[in-house]
Amino acid sequence: MSVTTDQSPQPPAPQPSGTDPVLLLLLGIVVALVLGATLYLCMVHPSLAAPIGAVGGIASALATAFGVAIALRRR
């Protein structure tokens, strides 16, 4: 008498749904550096504070958007 077992293929292991921690760390560093440079320039050149602040805020938002886009593309 022989015993047969059903060798059905196993589904692939699910991928972790988290974002890469290195990417989040680099994104945080870039945003902090941009905001820090913006703050420094605003303190050194007070007459240019409004334009420098606007550019720094837009640059931080763009860095965050690019980081999110890269994170979502890797999934």
C-alpha atoms as a PDB file:
ATOM      1  CA  MET A   1       0.000   0.000   0.000  1.00  0.00           C
ATOM      2  CA  SER A   2       1.433   3.373  -0.929  1.00  0.00           C
ATOM      3  CA  VAL A   3       0.635   6.705   0.573  1.00  0.00           C
ATOM      4  CA  THR A   4       0.339   9.678  -1.751  1.00  0.00           C
ATOM      5  CA  THR A   5       0.361  13.240  -0.606  1.00  0.00           C
ATOM      6  CA  ASP A   6      -1.038  16.197  -2.467  1.00  0.00           C
ATOM      7  CA  GLN A   7       1.914  18.359  -3.474  1.00  0.00           C
ATOM      8  CA  SER A   8       0.008  21.529  -4.334  1.00  0.00           C
ATOM      9  CA  PRO A   9       2.207  24.575  -4.978  1.00  0.00           C
ATOM     10  CA  GLN A  10       2.555  26.910  -2.060  1.00  0.00           C
ATOM     11  CA  PRO A  11       1.658  30.567  -2.596  1.00  0.00           C
ATOM     12  CA  PRO A  12       4.626  32.960  -2.462  1.00  0.00           C
ATOM     13  CA  ALA A  13       5.370  34.560   0.862  1.00  0.00           C
ATOM     14  CA  PRO A  14       3.743  37.987   1.208  1.00  0.00           C
ATOM     15  CA  GLN A  15       6.021  40.989   0.883  1.00  0.00           C
ATOM     16  CA  PRO A  16       6.301  43.269   3.907  1.00  0.00           C
ATOM     17  CA  SER A  17       4.113  46.294   3.329  1.00  0.00           C
ATOM     18  CA  GLY A  18       6.326  48.792   5.129  1.00  0.00           C
ATOM     19  CA  THR A  19       8.506  51.474   3.648  1.00  0.00           C
ATOM     20  CA  ASP A  20      12.258  51.037   3.575  1.00  0.00           C
ATOM     21  CA  PRO A  21      13.637  52.535   6.825  1.00  0.00           C
ATOM     22  CA  VAL A  22      16.791  53.777   5.073  1.00  0.00           C
ATOM     23  CA  LEU A  23      14.650  55.723   2.613  1.00  0.00           C
ATOM     24  CA  LEU A  24      12.701  57.304   5.455  1.00  0.00           C
ATOM     25  CA  LEU A  25      15.935  58.216   7.230  1.00  0.00           C
ATOM     26  CA  LEU A  26      17.406  59.834   4.126  1.00  0.00           C
ATOM     27  CA  LEU A  27      14.166  61.677   3.450  1.00  0.00           C
ATOM     28  CA  GLY A  28      14.154  63.026   6.999  1.00  0.00           C
ATOM     29  CA  ILE A  29      17.772  64.132   6.723  1.00  0.00           C
ATOM     30  CA  VAL A  30      17.167  65.926   3.410  1.00  0.00           C
ATOM     31  CA  VAL A  31      14.085  67.738   4.709  1.00  0.00           C
ATOM     32  CA  ALA A  32      15.895  68.732   7.923  1.00  0.00           C
ATOM     33  CA  LEU A  33      18.903  70.042   5.984  1.00  0.00           C
ATOM     34  CA  VAL A  34      16.726  72.072   3.605  1.00  0.00           C
ATOM     35  CA  LEU A  35      14.735  73.586   6.460  1.00  0.00           C
ATOM     36  CA  GLY A  36      17.911  74.261   8.445  1.00  0.00           C
ATOM     37  CA  ALA A  37      19.577  75.984   5.505  1.00  0.00           C
ATOM     38  CA  THR A  38      16.414  78.028   4.959  1.00  0.00           C
ATOM     39  CA  LEU A  39      16.349  79.107   8.597  1.00  0.00           C
ATOM     40  CA  TYR A  40      20.042  80.035   8.506  1.00  0.00           C
ATOM     41  CA  LEU A  41      19.644  82.127   5.352  1.00  0.00           C
ATOM     42  CA  CYS A  42      16.580  83.867   6.786  1.00  0.00           C
ATOM     43  CA  MET A  43      18.539  84.802   9.916  1.00  0.00           C
ATOM     44  CA  VAL A  44      21.579  86.044   7.971  1.00  0.00           C
ATOM     45  CA  HIS A  45      19.585  87.971   5.340  1.00  0.00           C
ATOM     46  CA  PRO A  46      16.406  89.241   7.043  1.00  0.00           C
ATOM     47  CA  SER A  47      15.420  91.386   4.048  1.00  0.00           C
ATOM     48  CA  LEU A  48      15.197  88.226   1.915  1.00  0.00           C
ATOM     49  CA  ALA A  49      13.341  86.156   4.518  1.00  0.00           C
ATOM     50  CA  ALA A  50      10.044  85.945   2.608  1.00  0.00           C
ATOM     51  CA  PRO A  51      11.455  84.700  -0.728  1.00  0.00           C
ATOM     52  CA  ILE A  52      13.970  82.383   0.926  1.00  0.00           C
ATOM     53  CA  GLY A  53      11.265  80.942   3.182  1.00  0.00           C
ATOM     54  CA  ALA A  54       8.975  80.321   0.226  1.00  0.00           C
ATOM     55  CA  VAL A  55      11.693  78.537  -1.740  1.00  0.00           C
ATOM     56  CA  GLY A  56      12.712  76.472   1.289  1.00  0.00           C
ATOM     57  CA  GLY A  57       9.133  75.424   1.974  1.00  0.00           C
ATOM     58  CA  ILE A  58       8.569  74.398  -1.629  1.00  0.00           C
ATOM     59  CA  ALA A  59      11.863  72.489  -1.693  1.00  0.00           C
ATOM     60  CA  SER A  60      10.902  70.575   1.460  1.00  0.00           C
ATOM     61  CA  ALA A  61       7.505  69.707   0.012  1.00  0.00           C
ATOM     62  CA  LEU A  62       9.106  68.511  -3.239  1.00  0.00           C
ATOM     63  CA  ALA A  63      11.648  66.378  -1.374  1.00  0.00           C
ATOM     64  CA  THR A  64       8.828  64.758   0.577  1.00  0.00           C
ATOM     65  CA  ALA A  65       6.776  64.166  -2.580  1.00  0.00           C
ATOM     66  CA  PHE A  66       9.742  62.565  -4.357  1.00  0.00           C
ATOM     67  CA  GLY A  67      10.412  60.335  -1.347  1.00  0.00           C
ATOM     68  CA  VAL A  68       6.807  59.164  -1.241  1.00  0.00           C
ATOM     69  CA  ALA A  69       6.802  58.546  -5.002  1.00  0.00           C
ATOM     70  CA  ILE A  70       9.967  56.461  -4.773  1.00  0.00           C
ATOM     71  CA  ALA A  71       8.597  54.509  -1.816  1.00  0.00           C
ATOM     72  CA  LEU A  72       5.357  53.713  -3.623  1.00  0.00           C
ATOM     73  CA  ARG A  73       7.181  52.747  -6.819  1.00  0.00           C
ATOM     74  CA  ARG A  74       9.225  50.080  -5.016  1.00  0.00           C
ATOM     75  CA  ARG A  75       6.127  48.173  -3.838  1.00  0.00           C
END
